[in-house]
Amino acid sequence: MSLTLDIPDEVLAVIPVPEGEREVYLLLEIACSLYAQDLLSLGKAAELAGMAKLDFGKELGKRGIARHYTEAELAADLAYARGE
């Protein structure tokens, strides 16, 4: 399933992004917003933005959007790093 958004030309024209970059820009904005609202996981938001998880995580950091990282995930990562 996919979704097509119909954004009026008058609205697109006022977005201060070059015309050829608008789709990528808008997908990134939507992905960041949905992630920040905890509606998408990091992986799915990165997929929507067309980015690798690492690059998407860096973008979140630039925007001051906190990663959704639980204590359980931290414990699992630390155990993995210790070889457990």
Protein backbone atom coordinates (compact mmCIF):
# COMPACT_ATOMS: atom_id res chain seq x y z
CA MET A 1 0.00 0.00 0.00
CA SER A 2 1.21 3.50 -0.71
CA LEU A 3 -0.22 6.94 -0.18
CA THR A 4 -0.13 9.90 -2.50
CA LEU A 5 -0.49 13.35 -0.99
CA ASP A 6 -2.06 16.10 -3.03
CA ILE A 7 -0.29 19.29 -2.03
CA PRO A 8 -1.49 22.38 -3.90
CA ASP A 9 1.07 24.05 -6.15
CA GLU A 10 0.53 27.30 -4.27
CA VAL A 11 1.67 25.61 -1.05
CA LEU A 12 4.64 23.87 -2.66
CA ALA A 13 5.75 27.12 -4.25
CA VAL A 14 6.27 28.80 -0.88
CA ILE A 15 8.40 26.01 0.60
CA PRO A 16 11.92 27.46 0.48
CA VAL A 17 13.49 24.32 -1.00
CA PRO A 18 14.54 23.85 -4.63
CA GLU A 19 11.78 22.17 -6.62
CA GLY A 20 13.85 19.04 -7.31
CA GLU A 21 14.51 18.51 -3.58
CA ARG A 22 10.98 19.03 -2.24
CA GLU A 23 9.88 15.39 -2.19
CA VAL A 24 12.98 14.28 -0.26
CA TYR A 25 12.61 17.26 2.08
CA LEU A 26 8.94 16.59 2.79
CA LEU A 27 9.48 12.87 3.37
CA LEU A 28 12.23 13.66 5.87
CA GLU A 29 10.02 16.20 7.65
CA ILE A 30 7.16 13.72 7.89
CA ALA A 31 9.47 10.93 9.08
CA CYS A 32 11.02 13.12 11.79
CA SER A 33 7.63 14.32 12.96
CA LEU A 34 6.16 10.81 13.15
CA TYR A 35 9.23 9.52 14.99
CA ALA A 36 9.17 12.44 17.45
CA GLN A 37 5.52 11.63 18.21
CA ASP A 38 6.49 7.97 18.78
CA LEU A 39 4.25 6.91 15.89
CA LEU A 40 7.08 5.26 13.91
CA SER A 41 10.11 3.31 15.04
CA LEU A 42 13.57 4.52 14.12
CA GLY A 43 13.81 1.89 11.39
CA LYS A 44 10.46 2.68 9.82
CA ALA A 45 11.01 6.44 10.02
CA ALA A 46 14.42 6.03 8.38
CA GLU A 47 12.80 3.90 5.69
CA LEU A 48 10.17 6.58 5.05
CA ALA A 49 12.91 9.21 4.79
CA GLY A 50 14.90 6.98 2.42
CA MET A 51 17.90 7.03 4.75
CA ALA A 52 20.08 4.55 6.60
CA LYS A 53 19.23 4.29 10.31
CA LEU A 54 22.57 5.79 11.28
CA ASP A 55 22.08 8.83 9.03
CA PHE A 56 18.50 9.27 10.21
CA GLY A 57 19.68 9.09 13.82
CA LYS A 58 22.20 11.83 13.09
CA GLU A 59 19.44 13.95 11.56
CA LEU A 60 17.34 13.48 14.70
CA GLY A 61 20.29 14.67 16.77
CA LYS A 62 20.71 17.78 14.62
CA ARG A 63 17.06 18.58 15.24
CA GLY A 64 17.23 17.92 18.97
CA ILE A 65 14.79 15.02 18.74
CA ALA A 66 15.50 12.51 21.50
CA ARG A 67 15.99 8.88 20.53
CA HIS A 68 13.41 6.46 21.88
CA TYR A 69 15.79 4.21 23.76
CA THR A 70 14.55 2.32 26.78
CA GLU A 71 16.55 1.12 29.74
CA ALA A 72 15.90 -2.46 28.61
CA GLU A 73 17.41 -1.68 25.20
CA LEU A 74 20.41 -0.09 26.88
CA ALA A 75 20.90 -3.14 29.10
CA ALA A 76 20.69 -5.44 26.08
CA ASP A 77 23.20 -3.34 24.16
CA LEU A 78 25.60 -3.27 27.10
CA ALA A 79 25.29 -7.03 27.54
CA TYR A 80 25.99 -7.51 23.84
CA ALA A 81 29.04 -5.22 24.07
CA ARG A 82 30.33 -7.29 26.99
CA GLY A 83 29.87 -10.45 24.93
CA GLU A 84 27.05 -11.81 27.06
